[in-house]
N, C-alpha and C. Protein backbone atom coordinates (compact mmCIF):
# COMPACT_ATOMS: atom_id res chain seq x y z
N UNK A 1 -20.34 17.06 -21.85
CA UNK A 1 -19.84 16.91 -20.18
C UNK A 1 -19.60 17.45 -19.92
N UNK A 2 -18.67 19.03 -20.52
CA UNK A 2 -18.56 20.36 -19.52
C UNK A 2 -19.77 21.58 -19.17
N UNK A 3 -20.65 20.67 -19.72
CA UNK A 3 -21.21 21.50 -18.30
C UNK A 3 -21.83 21.08 -16.86
N UNK A 4 -21.22 19.70 -17.06
CA UNK A 4 -21.84 18.04 -15.72
C UNK A 4 -20.49 18.65 -15.26
N UNK A 5 -18.65 18.68 -15.49
CA UNK A 5 -17.78 19.84 -14.67
C UNK A 5 -18.59 21.10 -13.78
N UNK A 6 -19.33 21.74 -14.97
CA UNK A 6 -19.37 22.83 -14.41
C UNK A 6 -19.95 22.76 -12.68
N UNK A 7 -20.97 22.10 -13.06
CA UNK A 7 -21.89 22.32 -12.15
C UNK A 7 -21.70 22.24 -10.74
N UNK A 8 -21.19 20.71 -10.86
CA UNK A 8 -20.18 20.38 -10.25
C UNK A 8 -19.33 21.79 -9.08
N UNK A 9 -18.52 21.72 -10.34
CA UNK A 9 -17.82 23.49 -8.87
C UNK A 9 -18.24 24.51 -8.94
N UNK A 10 -19.88 24.83 -9.43
CA UNK A 10 -20.70 26.04 -9.19
C UNK A 10 -21.30 25.44 -8.27
N UNK A 11 -21.55 24.44 -7.43
CA UNK A 11 -21.80 23.25 -6.40
C UNK A 11 -20.70 23.31 -5.20
N UNK A 12 -20.37 23.13 -5.17
CA UNK A 12 -18.72 23.01 -4.66
C UNK A 12 -19.18 24.21 -4.21
N UNK A 13 -18.88 25.55 -4.77
CA UNK A 13 -17.99 26.34 -4.33
C UNK A 13 -19.21 26.95 -3.77
N UNK A 14 -20.95 26.76 -3.44
CA UNK A 14 -21.42 27.49 -3.41
C UNK A 14 -21.62 27.38 -0.87
N UNK A 15 -20.85 25.55 -1.39
CA UNK A 15 -21.19 25.38 -0.25
C UNK A 15 -19.36 25.60 0.94
N UNK A 16 -19.01 26.36 0.23
CA UNK A 16 -17.56 27.15 1.22
C UNK A 16 -18.11 28.29 1.99
N UNK A 17 -19.16 28.72 1.71
CA UNK A 17 -20.22 29.75 2.53
C UNK A 17 -20.15 28.41 3.64
N UNK A 18 -20.75 27.84 3.86
CA UNK A 18 -21.38 27.44 4.79
C UNK A 18 -19.77 26.69 5.58
N UNK A 19 -19.00 26.00 5.40
CA UNK A 19 -17.94 25.02 5.38
C UNK A 19 -16.42 25.96 4.75
N UNK A 20 -16.22 27.30 4.75
CA UNK A 20 -15.11 28.25 4.63
C UNK A 20 -13.97 27.41 5.48
N UNK A 21 -14.67 27.46 6.52
CA UNK A 21 -13.79 27.09 7.68
C UNK A 21 -13.22 26.51 7.77
N UNK A 22 -13.35 24.80 6.89
CA UNK A 22 -12.65 23.93 7.49
C UNK A 22 -12.16 23.51 5.35
N UNK A 23 -12.21 24.01 5.33
CA UNK A 23 -10.98 24.16 3.43
C UNK A 23 -10.00 23.61 4.03
N UNK A 24 -10.08 22.51 3.23
CA UNK A 24 -8.31 22.28 3.59
C UNK A 24 -7.92 22.35 1.55
N UNK A 25 -5.76 22.66 2.13
CA UNK A 25 -5.83 22.79 1.32
C UNK A 25 -4.46 22.05 -0.22
N UNK A 26 -4.14 21.39 0.13
CA UNK A 26 -3.26 20.16 -0.01
C UNK A 26 -2.05 19.65 -1.64
N UNK A 27 -0.33 19.35 -1.81
CA UNK A 27 -0.10 19.58 -2.85
C UNK A 27 -0.28 17.74 -3.17
N UNK A 28 0.03 17.86 -4.80
CA UNK A 28 0.03 16.40 -4.75
C UNK A 28 1.32 15.97 -5.48
N UNK A 29 1.97 15.11 -5.70
CA UNK A 29 3.15 14.58 -6.01
C UNK A 29 3.41 13.11 -6.14
N UNK A 30 3.06 12.24 -7.29
CA UNK A 30 3.35 11.42 -7.32
C UNK A 30 3.41 10.83 -9.60
N UNK A 31 3.90 9.74 -9.58
CA UNK A 31 3.54 9.02 -11.05
C UNK A 31 2.49 8.83 -11.44
N UNK A 32 2.31 7.87 -12.43
CA UNK A 32 1.72 8.11 -13.39
C UNK A 32 2.36 6.36 -13.94
N UNK A 33 1.53 4.97 -14.00
CA UNK A 33 1.79 4.37 -15.12
C UNK A 33 0.66 4.06 -16.29
N UNK A 34 0.46 4.79 -17.48
CA UNK A 34 -0.64 4.47 -18.28
C UNK A 34 -0.44 3.47 -19.57
N UNK A 35 -1.32 3.82 -20.58
CA UNK A 35 -1.73 2.86 -21.83
C UNK A 35 -2.85 3.47 -22.88
N UNK A 36 -2.67 2.97 -24.00
CA UNK A 36 -4.15 4.09 -25.30
C UNK A 36 -4.22 2.50 -25.31
N UNK A 37 -5.55 2.27 -25.19
CA UNK A 37 -6.62 0.86 -25.24
C UNK A 37 -6.72 1.59 -27.33
N UNK A 38 -6.62 0.91 -27.68
CA UNK A 38 -6.76 0.52 -29.07
C UNK A 38 -5.54 0.94 -30.31
N UNK A 39 -4.72 0.82 -29.68
CA UNK A 39 -3.17 0.29 -30.37
C UNK A 39 -2.40 -0.43 -30.27
N UNK A 40 -1.36 -0.61 -31.01
CA UNK A 40 -0.52 -2.40 -30.73
C UNK A 40 -0.01 -2.09 -30.15
N UNK A 41 -0.13 -1.22 -28.57
CA UNK A 41 1.31 -1.10 -27.67
C UNK A 41 0.24 -2.50 -26.65
N UNK A 42 0.64 -3.32 -25.77
CA UNK A 42 -0.53 -3.89 -24.39
C UNK A 42 0.53 -3.80 -23.55
N UNK A 43 -0.04 -3.20 -22.25
CA UNK A 43 0.25 -3.43 -20.61
C UNK A 43 1.03 -1.68 -20.87
N UNK A 44 0.90 -1.71 -19.17
CA UNK A 44 1.56 0.33 -18.63
C UNK A 44 2.45 0.78 -18.75
N UNK A 45 3.22 0.94 -19.57
CA UNK A 45 4.43 0.69 -19.45
C UNK A 45 4.54 2.01 -19.99
N UNK A 46 3.81 3.60 -19.80
CA UNK A 46 4.38 4.60 -20.61
C UNK A 46 4.35 5.29 -18.63
N UNK A 47 5.59 5.89 -17.92
CA UNK A 47 5.74 5.95 -17.36
C UNK A 47 5.45 8.12 -17.68
N UNK A 48 5.43 8.58 -15.66
CA UNK A 48 5.20 10.14 -16.42
C UNK A 48 5.22 10.40 -14.87
N UNK A 49 4.86 11.35 -14.99
CA UNK A 49 4.47 13.04 -13.84
C UNK A 49 3.30 12.98 -13.92
N UNK A 50 2.80 13.61 -12.18
CA UNK A 50 1.43 13.06 -12.21
C UNK A 50 1.73 14.52 -10.15
N UNK A 51 1.25 16.11 -10.91
CA UNK A 51 1.53 16.59 -10.32
C UNK A 51 -0.09 17.75 -10.24
N UNK A 52 0.09 18.07 -8.41
CA UNK A 52 -0.29 19.27 -8.58
C UNK A 52 -1.48 20.42 -7.20
N UNK A 53 -2.01 20.57 -7.09
CA UNK A 53 -3.41 21.02 -5.82
C UNK A 53 -4.24 20.86 -5.29
N UNK A 54 -5.07 20.79 -4.55
CA UNK A 54 -5.90 20.17 -4.94
C UNK A 54 -7.06 20.76 -3.21
N UNK A 55 -8.05 21.43 -3.73
CA UNK A 55 -8.64 21.96 -2.27
C UNK A 55 -10.47 21.05 -1.94
N UNK A 56 -10.94 20.67 -0.74
CA UNK A 56 -11.18 20.08 -0.31
C UNK A 56 -11.72 20.25 0.57
N UNK A 57 -13.51 20.60 0.19
CA UNK A 57 -14.52 20.99 0.21
C UNK A 57 -16.18 20.68 1.63
N UNK A 58 -15.53 20.25 2.59
CA UNK A 58 -16.42 19.02 2.85
C UNK A 58 -18.40 19.87 2.86
N UNK A 59 -18.74 18.45 2.93
CA UNK A 59 -20.82 18.60 3.05
C UNK A 59 -20.65 18.72 4.43
N UNK A 60 -19.91 17.73 5.23
CA UNK A 60 -20.87 16.91 6.65
C UNK A 60 -19.62 16.47 6.96
N UNK A 61 -19.36 15.51 7.92
CA UNK A 61 -18.85 14.97 9.28
C UNK A 61 -17.97 13.58 7.32
N UNK A 62 -18.82 12.40 7.04
CA UNK A 62 -18.62 12.04 6.35
C UNK A 62 -17.93 12.45 4.88
N UNK A 63 -18.36 13.51 3.75
CA UNK A 63 -18.31 14.02 2.60
C UNK A 63 -17.65 14.76 2.67
N UNK A 64 -17.13 14.85 1.46
CA UNK A 64 -16.85 16.25 1.57
C UNK A 64 -16.06 16.02 -0.54
N UNK A 65 -15.90 17.64 -1.29
CA UNK A 65 -16.24 17.91 -2.66
C UNK A 65 -13.72 17.77 -2.69
N UNK A 66 -13.47 17.06 -3.60
CA UNK A 66 -11.97 17.54 -4.33
C UNK A 66 -11.85 17.72 -5.17
N UNK A 67 -11.32 19.25 -5.96
CA UNK A 67 -11.62 19.83 -6.38
C UNK A 67 -10.12 20.26 -6.96
N UNK A 68 -9.17 19.99 -8.32
CA UNK A 68 -8.00 20.03 -8.68
C UNK A 68 -7.20 20.37 -9.13
N UNK A 69 -5.94 20.47 -9.21
CA UNK A 69 -5.88 21.06 -10.72
C UNK A 69 -4.07 20.47 -10.93
N UNK A 70 -3.98 19.94 -12.11
CA UNK A 70 -2.82 18.94 -11.64
C UNK A 70 -2.17 18.69 -13.46
N UNK A 71 -1.47 17.98 -13.49
CA UNK A 71 -0.24 18.25 -14.36
C UNK A 71 -0.34 17.01 -14.68
N UNK A 72 -0.58 16.82 -15.98
CA UNK A 72 -0.62 14.88 -16.31
C UNK A 72 0.00 14.29 -17.31
N UNK A 73 0.70 13.03 -17.11
CA UNK A 73 1.87 12.66 -18.69
C UNK A 73 1.11 11.66 -18.74
N UNK A 74 0.17 11.59 -20.10
CA UNK A 74 -0.33 10.27 -19.94
C UNK A 74 0.71 9.49 -21.40
N UNK A 75 0.26 8.46 -22.49
CA UNK A 75 0.45 7.77 -23.69
C UNK A 75 1.06 6.17 -23.45
N UNK A 76 1.83 6.66 -24.84
CA UNK A 76 1.30 4.69 -24.92
C UNK A 76 3.13 4.12 -24.69
N UNK A 77 4.11 2.62 -24.25
CA UNK A 77 5.38 3.28 -25.05
C UNK A 77 5.55 1.56 -25.68
N UNK A 78 6.49 0.89 -26.07
CA UNK A 78 7.13 0.04 -25.99
C UNK A 78 8.18 -0.39 -26.70
N UNK A 79 9.28 -0.29 -26.10
CA UNK A 79 10.86 -0.16 -26.08
C UNK A 79 11.25 -1.30 -27.59
N UNK A 80 9.94 -2.14 -28.12
CA UNK A 80 10.81 -3.62 -28.84
C UNK A 80 11.12 -4.50 -28.37
N UNK A 81 10.91 -6.36 -29.03
CA UNK A 81 11.12 -7.25 -28.24
C UNK A 81 11.72 -7.85 -28.23
N UNK A 82 12.36 -7.22 -29.08
CA UNK A 82 13.50 -8.30 -30.02
C UNK A 82 14.96 -6.43 -30.55
N UNK A 83 16.42 -7.65 -29.87
CA UNK A 83 17.20 -6.25 -30.56
C UNK A 83 17.34 -5.75 -30.92
N UNK A 84 17.29 -6.91 -32.54
CA UNK A 84 17.03 -6.80 -34.38
C UNK A 84 16.08 -6.39 -34.30
N UNK A 85 15.04 -5.52 -34.11
CA UNK A 85 13.24 -5.06 -34.63
C UNK A 85 13.41 -4.62 -34.08
N UNK A 86 12.96 -3.61 -35.33
CA UNK A 86 12.62 -1.33 -35.15
C UNK A 86 10.83 -1.60 -35.12
N UNK A 87 10.20 -2.85 -36.00
CA UNK A 87 9.07 -2.67 -36.25
C UNK A 87 8.33 -2.98 -35.58
N UNK A 88 7.57 -2.77 -33.99
CA UNK A 88 7.86 -2.76 -32.62
C UNK A 88 8.05 -1.63 -32.45
N UNK A 89 8.04 -0.50 -32.02
CA UNK A 89 9.09 0.31 -31.44
C UNK A 89 7.59 1.06 -31.69
N UNK A 90 7.66 1.78 -30.17
CA UNK A 90 6.30 2.51 -30.91
C UNK A 90 6.09 3.82 -29.03
N UNK A 91 5.98 4.93 -29.03
CA UNK A 91 6.24 6.23 -28.09
C UNK A 91 5.58 6.76 -28.17
N UNK A 92 4.73 7.68 -27.19
CA UNK A 92 3.67 8.14 -27.84
C UNK A 92 3.24 10.36 -26.40
N UNK A 93 3.54 10.74 -26.41
CA UNK A 93 3.51 11.38 -24.95
C UNK A 93 1.95 12.60 -25.44
N UNK A 94 1.09 12.06 -24.29
CA UNK A 94 -0.23 12.96 -24.18
C UNK A 94 0.17 13.79 -22.74
N UNK A 95 0.44 15.05 -23.08
CA UNK A 95 0.76 15.63 -21.80
C UNK A 95 -0.57 16.86 -21.37
N UNK A 96 -1.45 16.57 -19.84
CA UNK A 96 -2.65 17.51 -20.22
C UNK A 96 -2.35 18.45 -18.80
N UNK A 97 -3.48 18.99 -18.55
CA UNK A 97 -3.50 19.91 -17.77
C UNK A 97 -5.27 19.59 -17.04
N UNK A 98 -5.09 18.67 -16.51
CA UNK A 98 -6.59 18.42 -15.31
C UNK A 98 -6.79 19.05 -14.83
N UNK A 99 -8.37 19.06 -14.47
CA UNK A 99 -9.49 19.17 -13.57
C UNK A 99 -10.26 18.04 -12.75
N UNK A 100 -9.79 17.49 -12.03
CA UNK A 100 -11.03 16.27 -11.38
C UNK A 100 -11.40 17.54 -10.43
N UNK A 101 -12.95 17.22 -10.80
CA UNK A 101 -14.44 16.58 -9.75
C UNK A 101 -14.39 15.46 -8.74
N UNK A 102 -14.43 15.96 -7.33
CA UNK A 102 -14.81 14.40 -7.46
C UNK A 102 -15.19 14.23 -5.78
N UNK A 103 -15.95 13.61 -6.20
CA UNK A 103 -17.16 13.01 -4.64
C UNK A 103 -16.21 12.24 -3.58
N UNK A 104 -16.15 12.23 -2.75
CA UNK A 104 -14.85 11.25 -1.35
C UNK A 104 -16.32 11.31 0.01
N UNK A 105 -15.54 9.97 -0.17
CA UNK A 105 -16.34 9.31 1.69
C UNK A 105 -15.46 9.31 2.28
N UNK A 106 -15.66 9.22 3.50
CA UNK A 106 -13.81 9.37 4.02
C UNK A 106 -15.16 8.42 5.99
N UNK A 107 -13.93 7.10 6.14
CA UNK A 107 -14.48 6.75 7.52
C UNK A 107 -13.34 7.07 8.79
N UNK A 108 -13.67 6.47 9.82
CA UNK A 108 -12.89 6.76 11.28
C UNK A 108 -11.84 6.13 10.32
N UNK A 109 -11.45 5.12 10.27
CA UNK A 109 -10.63 4.61 10.43
C UNK A 109 -8.69 5.11 9.19
N UNK A 110 -9.42 5.86 9.00
CA UNK A 110 -8.25 7.14 7.19
C UNK A 110 -8.31 6.85 6.18
N UNK A 111 -9.50 5.80 5.64
CA UNK A 111 -9.68 6.24 4.52
C UNK A 111 -10.52 6.56 4.10
N UNK A 112 -10.33 6.90 2.46
CA UNK A 112 -10.97 7.71 2.10
C UNK A 112 -11.11 7.38 0.41
N UNK A 113 -12.37 6.59 0.37
CA UNK A 113 -12.82 6.94 -1.49
C UNK A 113 -14.02 7.84 -1.88
N UNK A 114 -13.36 8.00 -3.21
CA UNK A 114 -13.57 8.85 -3.61
C UNK A 114 -14.58 8.33 -5.28
N UNK A 115 -15.10 9.40 -5.88
CA UNK A 115 -15.07 9.10 -7.55
C UNK A 115 -15.33 10.03 -8.68
N UNK A 116 -15.26 10.52 -9.79
CA UNK A 116 -15.90 11.67 -10.00
C UNK A 116 -15.38 11.50 -11.36
N UNK A 117 -15.51 12.92 -11.62
CA UNK A 117 -14.92 12.96 -13.30
C UNK A 117 -13.86 14.81 -13.68
N UNK A 118 -12.80 14.12 -14.76
CA UNK A 118 -12.37 14.77 -15.39
C UNK A 118 -11.84 15.33 -16.19
N UNK A 119 -11.39 16.68 -16.49
CA UNK A 119 -11.33 17.01 -18.04
C UNK A 119 -9.77 17.34 -17.63
N UNK A 120 -9.71 17.14 -19.04
CA UNK A 120 -7.79 17.56 -19.20
C UNK A 120 -7.90 18.46 -20.65
N UNK A 121 -6.84 18.87 -20.67
CA UNK A 121 -6.79 20.02 -22.37
C UNK A 121 -4.80 19.80 -22.15
N UNK A 122 -4.93 18.65 -23.08
CA UNK A 122 -3.48 18.96 -23.78
C UNK A 122 -3.12 19.70 -23.90
N UNK A 123 -2.03 19.79 -23.85
CA UNK A 123 -0.81 20.85 -23.56
C UNK A 123 0.57 20.28 -24.23
N UNK A 124 0.81 19.26 -24.04
CA UNK A 124 1.80 18.94 -25.20
C UNK A 124 2.45 17.77 -25.47
N UNK A 125 2.12 16.94 -26.95
CA UNK A 125 1.54 15.81 -27.91
C UNK A 125 3.14 15.73 -28.64
N UNK A 126 4.12 14.00 -29.05
CA UNK A 126 4.98 13.73 -29.55
C UNK A 126 4.79 12.34 -30.23
N UNK A 127 5.05 12.10 -30.63
CA UNK A 127 4.77 11.04 -31.57
C UNK A 127 5.83 9.71 -31.99
N UNK A 128 5.94 8.87 -32.01
CA UNK A 128 7.09 8.35 -32.70
C UNK A 128 6.98 6.52 -33.25
N UNK A 129 7.46 6.13 -34.56
CA UNK A 129 6.65 4.84 -34.97
C UNK A 129 8.52 4.27 -35.76
N UNK A 130 8.73 3.42 -34.76
CA UNK A 130 10.12 2.84 -35.42
C UNK A 130 10.58 3.21 -35.53
N UNK A 131 10.95 4.34 -34.21
CA UNK A 131 12.39 4.70 -34.69
C UNK A 131 12.13 6.47 -34.12
N UNK A 132 11.21 6.24 -35.28
CA UNK A 132 11.34 7.72 -36.48
C UNK A 132 10.32 8.85 -35.53
N UNK A 133 10.73 10.05 -35.17
CA UNK A 133 9.38 10.96 -34.86
C UNK A 133 8.66 11.64 -36.09
N UNK A 134 7.49 11.41 -35.39
CA UNK A 134 6.26 11.37 -36.71
C UNK A 134 6.18 13.59 -36.58
N UNK A 135 6.42 14.17 -37.34
CA UNK A 135 6.26 15.54 -37.65
C UNK A 135 5.05 15.52 -37.89
N UNK A 136 3.85 16.40 -37.39
CA UNK A 136 2.94 16.88 -37.78
C UNK A 136 2.49 18.25 -36.90
N UNK A 137 1.92 18.74 -37.75
CA UNK A 137 2.11 20.01 -37.65
C UNK A 137 0.85 20.30 -36.64
N UNK A 138 0.42 21.97 -36.29
CA UNK A 138 0.14 22.08 -35.75
C UNK A 138 -1.67 21.59 -35.83
N UNK A 139 -2.52 21.96 -36.57
CA UNK A 139 -3.61 21.70 -37.09
C UNK A 139 -3.10 19.82 -38.07
N UNK A 140 -3.06 19.31 -37.61
CA UNK A 140 -2.72 18.33 -38.17
C UNK A 140 -2.84 16.85 -36.61
N UNK A 141 -2.20 16.91 -35.85
CA UNK A 141 -2.17 16.30 -34.79
C UNK A 141 -3.82 15.51 -34.77
N UNK A 142 -3.53 14.21 -34.53
CA UNK A 142 -4.63 13.93 -34.64
C UNK A 142 -4.71 13.77 -33.16
N UNK A 143 -4.94 14.13 -31.89
CA UNK A 143 -5.19 13.46 -30.86
C UNK A 143 -6.40 14.75 -30.65
N UNK A 144 -7.47 14.70 -30.37
CA UNK A 144 -8.71 15.35 -29.43
C UNK A 144 -7.97 16.57 -28.51
N UNK A 145 -7.92 17.75 -28.29
CA UNK A 145 -7.89 18.46 -27.32
C UNK A 145 -8.55 18.56 -26.94
N UNK A 146 -9.02 17.64 -25.86
CA UNK A 146 -9.93 17.59 -24.69
C UNK A 146 -10.10 16.00 -24.67
N UNK A 147 -10.02 15.84 -23.06
CA UNK A 147 -10.02 15.06 -22.44
C UNK A 147 -10.41 14.76 -21.50
N UNK A 148 -11.94 13.63 -21.70
CA UNK A 148 -12.64 13.64 -20.61
C UNK A 148 -12.85 12.10 -19.90
N UNK A 149 -12.51 12.14 -18.67
CA UNK A 149 -12.43 11.10 -18.18
C UNK A 149 -13.10 10.38 -16.43
N UNK A 150 -12.86 8.96 -16.42
CA UNK A 150 -14.44 8.80 -14.80
C UNK A 150 -13.08 8.58 -14.00
N UNK A 151 -13.16 8.74 -13.06
CA UNK A 151 -12.17 8.72 -12.40
C UNK A 151 -12.02 7.93 -10.89
N UNK A 152 -12.21 6.94 -10.45
CA UNK A 152 -11.95 6.30 -9.03
C UNK A 152 -10.51 6.70 -8.30
N UNK A 153 -10.45 6.44 -6.54
CA UNK A 153 -9.52 6.88 -6.11
C UNK A 153 -9.49 6.92 -4.93
N UNK A 154 -8.76 6.28 -4.26
CA UNK A 154 -8.85 5.27 -2.90
C UNK A 154 -7.07 5.92 -1.88
N UNK A 155 -7.94 6.86 -0.68
CA UNK A 155 -6.90 8.03 0.09
C UNK A 155 -6.54 6.27 1.28
N UNK A 156 -5.50 6.72 1.75
CA UNK A 156 -4.85 5.39 3.38
C UNK A 156 -4.11 6.90 3.49
N UNK A 157 -4.43 6.92 5.74
CA UNK A 157 -4.02 8.44 5.98
C UNK A 157 -2.55 7.48 5.99
N UNK A 158 -0.88 7.59 6.09
CA UNK A 158 0.64 7.72 6.76
C UNK A 158 0.49 7.96 7.98
N UNK A 159 1.22 9.33 7.88
CA UNK A 159 1.51 10.02 9.17
C UNK A 159 1.44 10.87 8.76
N UNK A 160 0.81 11.26 10.22
CA UNK A 160 -0.55 13.38 9.93
C UNK A 160 -1.34 13.43 8.51
N UNK A 161 -1.10 14.33 8.59
CA UNK A 161 -1.07 15.01 7.14
C UNK A 161 -0.81 14.96 5.84
N UNK A 162 -0.60 13.55 6.08
CA UNK A 162 0.84 12.31 4.86
C UNK A 162 -0.38 11.73 4.98
N UNK A 163 -1.13 11.00 3.19
CA UNK A 163 -1.24 10.61 2.54
C UNK A 163 -1.28 9.87 1.12
N UNK A 164 -1.23 8.62 1.70
CA UNK A 164 -0.62 7.59 -0.28
C UNK A 164 -2.80 7.95 -0.41
N UNK A 165 -2.30 7.82 -2.19
CA UNK A 165 -2.72 7.39 -2.77
C UNK A 165 -3.14 6.81 -4.36
N UNK A 166 -3.63 6.19 -4.42
CA UNK A 166 -4.21 4.81 -5.34
C UNK A 166 -5.76 5.61 -5.96
N UNK A 167 -5.52 5.67 -7.99
CA UNK A 167 -5.77 6.24 -8.55
C UNK A 167 -6.28 5.07 -9.94
N UNK A 168 -7.28 5.37 -10.87
CA UNK A 168 -7.70 4.74 -11.48
C UNK A 168 -8.64 5.56 -12.40
N UNK A 169 -8.05 5.35 -13.33
CA UNK A 169 -9.11 6.47 -14.49
C UNK A 169 -8.77 6.08 -16.36
N UNK A 170 -9.93 6.30 -16.61
CA UNK A 170 -10.22 6.43 -17.95
C UNK A 170 -10.98 7.43 -18.76
N UNK A 171 -10.59 7.29 -19.91
CA UNK A 171 -11.38 7.70 -21.01
C UNK A 171 -12.68 7.94 -21.32
N UNK A 172 -13.30 8.08 -20.98
CA UNK A 172 -15.34 8.00 -21.51
C UNK A 172 -15.67 8.63 -23.08
N UNK A 173 -14.22 9.11 -23.99
CA UNK A 173 -14.62 9.70 -25.23
C UNK A 173 -13.46 9.33 -25.77
N UNK A 174 -13.20 8.98 -27.08
CA UNK A 174 -12.20 9.22 -27.35
C UNK A 174 -11.08 9.59 -27.66
N UNK A 175 -10.10 9.77 -28.09
CA UNK A 175 -9.55 10.52 -28.10
C UNK A 175 -8.32 10.58 -29.44
N UNK A 176 -9.35 9.57 -29.87
CA UNK A 176 -8.29 9.27 -31.88
C UNK A 176 -9.40 8.19 -32.03
N UNK A 177 -8.88 8.52 -33.78
CA UNK A 177 -9.00 6.97 -34.37
C UNK A 177 -8.46 7.15 -35.11
N UNK A 178 -7.97 5.36 -35.06
CA UNK A 178 -6.19 5.76 -36.10
C UNK A 178 -6.61 3.90 -37.03
N UNK A 179 -6.84 4.22 -38.18
CA UNK A 179 -6.55 3.42 -39.31
C UNK A 179 -5.41 2.36 -38.95
N UNK A 180 -5.57 1.00 -39.34
CA UNK A 180 -4.17 0.04 -39.14
C UNK A 180 -3.88 -0.66 -40.42
N UNK A 181 -3.68 0.27 -41.61
CA UNK A 181 -2.91 -1.15 -42.62
C UNK A 181 -3.01 -1.68 -42.85
N UNK A 182 -1.93 -2.39 -42.08
CA UNK A 182 -2.17 -4.71 -41.68
C UNK A 182 -2.91 -4.80 -42.18
N UNK A 183 -4.17 -4.78 -40.76
CA UNK A 183 -4.70 -5.32 -40.75
C UNK A 183 -6.70 -4.28 -41.69
N UNK A 184 -6.63 -3.78 -41.87
CA UNK A 184 -7.49 -3.16 -43.26
C UNK A 184 -8.57 -2.70 -42.15
N UNK A 185 -7.61 -2.20 -40.24
CA UNK A 185 -9.01 -1.90 -39.43
C UNK A 185 -8.97 -0.24 -38.61
N UNK A 186 -9.76 0.05 -38.14
CA UNK A 186 -9.95 1.21 -37.70
C UNK A 186 -10.58 0.87 -36.34
N UNK A 187 -9.87 1.70 -35.39
CA UNK A 187 -10.20 1.63 -33.95
C UNK A 187 -9.73 2.72 -33.02
N UNK A 188 -11.09 2.67 -32.53
CA UNK A 188 -10.89 3.69 -31.50
C UNK A 188 -10.44 3.92 -30.22
N UNK A 189 -9.67 4.57 -29.81
CA UNK A 189 -8.42 5.08 -28.74
C UNK A 189 -8.70 5.87 -27.50
N UNK A 190 -8.91 5.26 -26.82
CA UNK A 190 -8.74 5.85 -24.75
C UNK A 190 -7.64 5.85 -24.02
N UNK A 191 -7.11 7.05 -23.33
CA UNK A 191 -6.62 6.53 -22.52
C UNK A 191 -7.27 5.69 -21.00
N UNK A 192 -5.83 4.78 -20.72
CA UNK A 192 -6.21 3.99 -19.34
C UNK A 192 -5.10 4.64 -18.33
N UNK A 193 -5.64 4.97 -16.95
CA UNK A 193 -3.39 5.31 -16.05
C UNK A 193 -3.56 4.86 -15.28
N UNK A 194 -3.47 4.48 -14.60
CA UNK A 194 -3.21 4.21 -13.17
C UNK A 194 -1.72 4.92 -12.56
N UNK A 195 -2.65 6.18 -10.98
CA UNK A 195 -1.48 6.84 -10.98
C UNK A 195 -1.64 6.66 -9.22
N UNK A 196 -0.10 6.78 -8.35
CA UNK A 196 0.24 6.41 -7.35
C UNK A 196 1.10 7.53 -6.50
N UNK A 197 0.33 8.75 -5.08
CA UNK A 197 0.77 9.57 -5.76
C UNK A 197 0.51 9.82 -3.65
N UNK A 198 1.46 10.79 -3.35
CA UNK A 198 1.52 10.94 -1.91
C UNK A 198 0.37 13.12 -2.06
N UNK A 199 0.15 12.09 -0.36
CA UNK A 199 -0.53 14.10 -0.94
C UNK A 199 -0.58 14.51 0.55
N UNK A 200 -0.26 16.01 0.84
CA UNK A 200 0.32 16.60 2.10
C UNK A 200 -1.04 17.14 2.18
N UNK A 201 -1.44 17.42 3.90
CA UNK A 201 -3.24 18.19 3.44
C UNK A 201 -1.85 19.69 4.85
N UNK A 202 -2.15 20.70 4.05
CA UNK A 202 -1.84 21.16 5.00
C UNK A 202 -3.08 22.15 6.04
N UNK A 203 -3.52 22.20 5.67
CA UNK A 203 -4.71 22.48 7.59
C UNK A 203 -5.73 21.47 7.57
N UNK A 204 -5.10 20.01 7.91
CA UNK A 204 -5.71 19.12 8.44
C UNK A 204 -5.84 19.34 9.84
N UNK A 205 -7.28 18.45 10.11
CA UNK A 205 -7.42 18.68 11.91
C UNK A 205 -6.65 17.96 12.24
N UNK A 206 -5.33 17.24 13.48
CA UNK A 206 -5.03 16.85 13.89
C UNK A 206 -5.72 16.49 15.14
N UNK A 207 -6.34 14.74 15.42
CA UNK A 207 -6.07 14.73 17.01
C UNK A 207 -5.37 14.11 17.89
N UNK A 208 -5.35 13.82 18.38
CA UNK A 208 -4.72 13.15 19.77
C UNK A 208 -4.46 11.10 18.77
N UNK A 209 -5.77 10.91 18.71
CA UNK A 209 -6.14 9.89 18.66
C UNK A 209 -5.19 9.70 17.23
N UNK A 210 -5.17 10.61 15.84
CA UNK A 210 -4.87 10.16 15.34
C UNK A 210 -2.89 9.98 15.29
């Protein structure tokens, strides 16, 4: 999968020579609703940031490749269903520096759809169970350092160069296998994420019609 990302990046940069005058840069600011499939927590309850920058490289009038560098906060959260109960409390922080590479199609109405892959490198990790933090040493952290995700993306033009972006992503390889003594089961875990962002494009051409 790393090889695939490298190939996509190389192809994208090769097109720069033909379309360098049209490359667009953008800043990204948004937030996430996250969960981890395979843990004992239901729902999109972990809130996090999704911020960074991107470059958009045109292939022709309708298609372009987007490359981003983002700081992305994932994880899982359950505050407890009952005031007098602590056995359901759980919190997981997984922060990544990610490089998504997506192929996009844009129509004349200002709607853009895309799909691709993202490689993330874990830069922060903390975990709590029953209100107490689990102290993991660096060598014992059970979560994989890398997170490879499939990404689906849609963007809507708001005002001039400002766009609203909705994104869905999920891990395509497990980030952890955890054993649960209560059930005697081992479960593979995967990141799932809903992302809502504002994207401002610096050098997008604004026509009188738009």
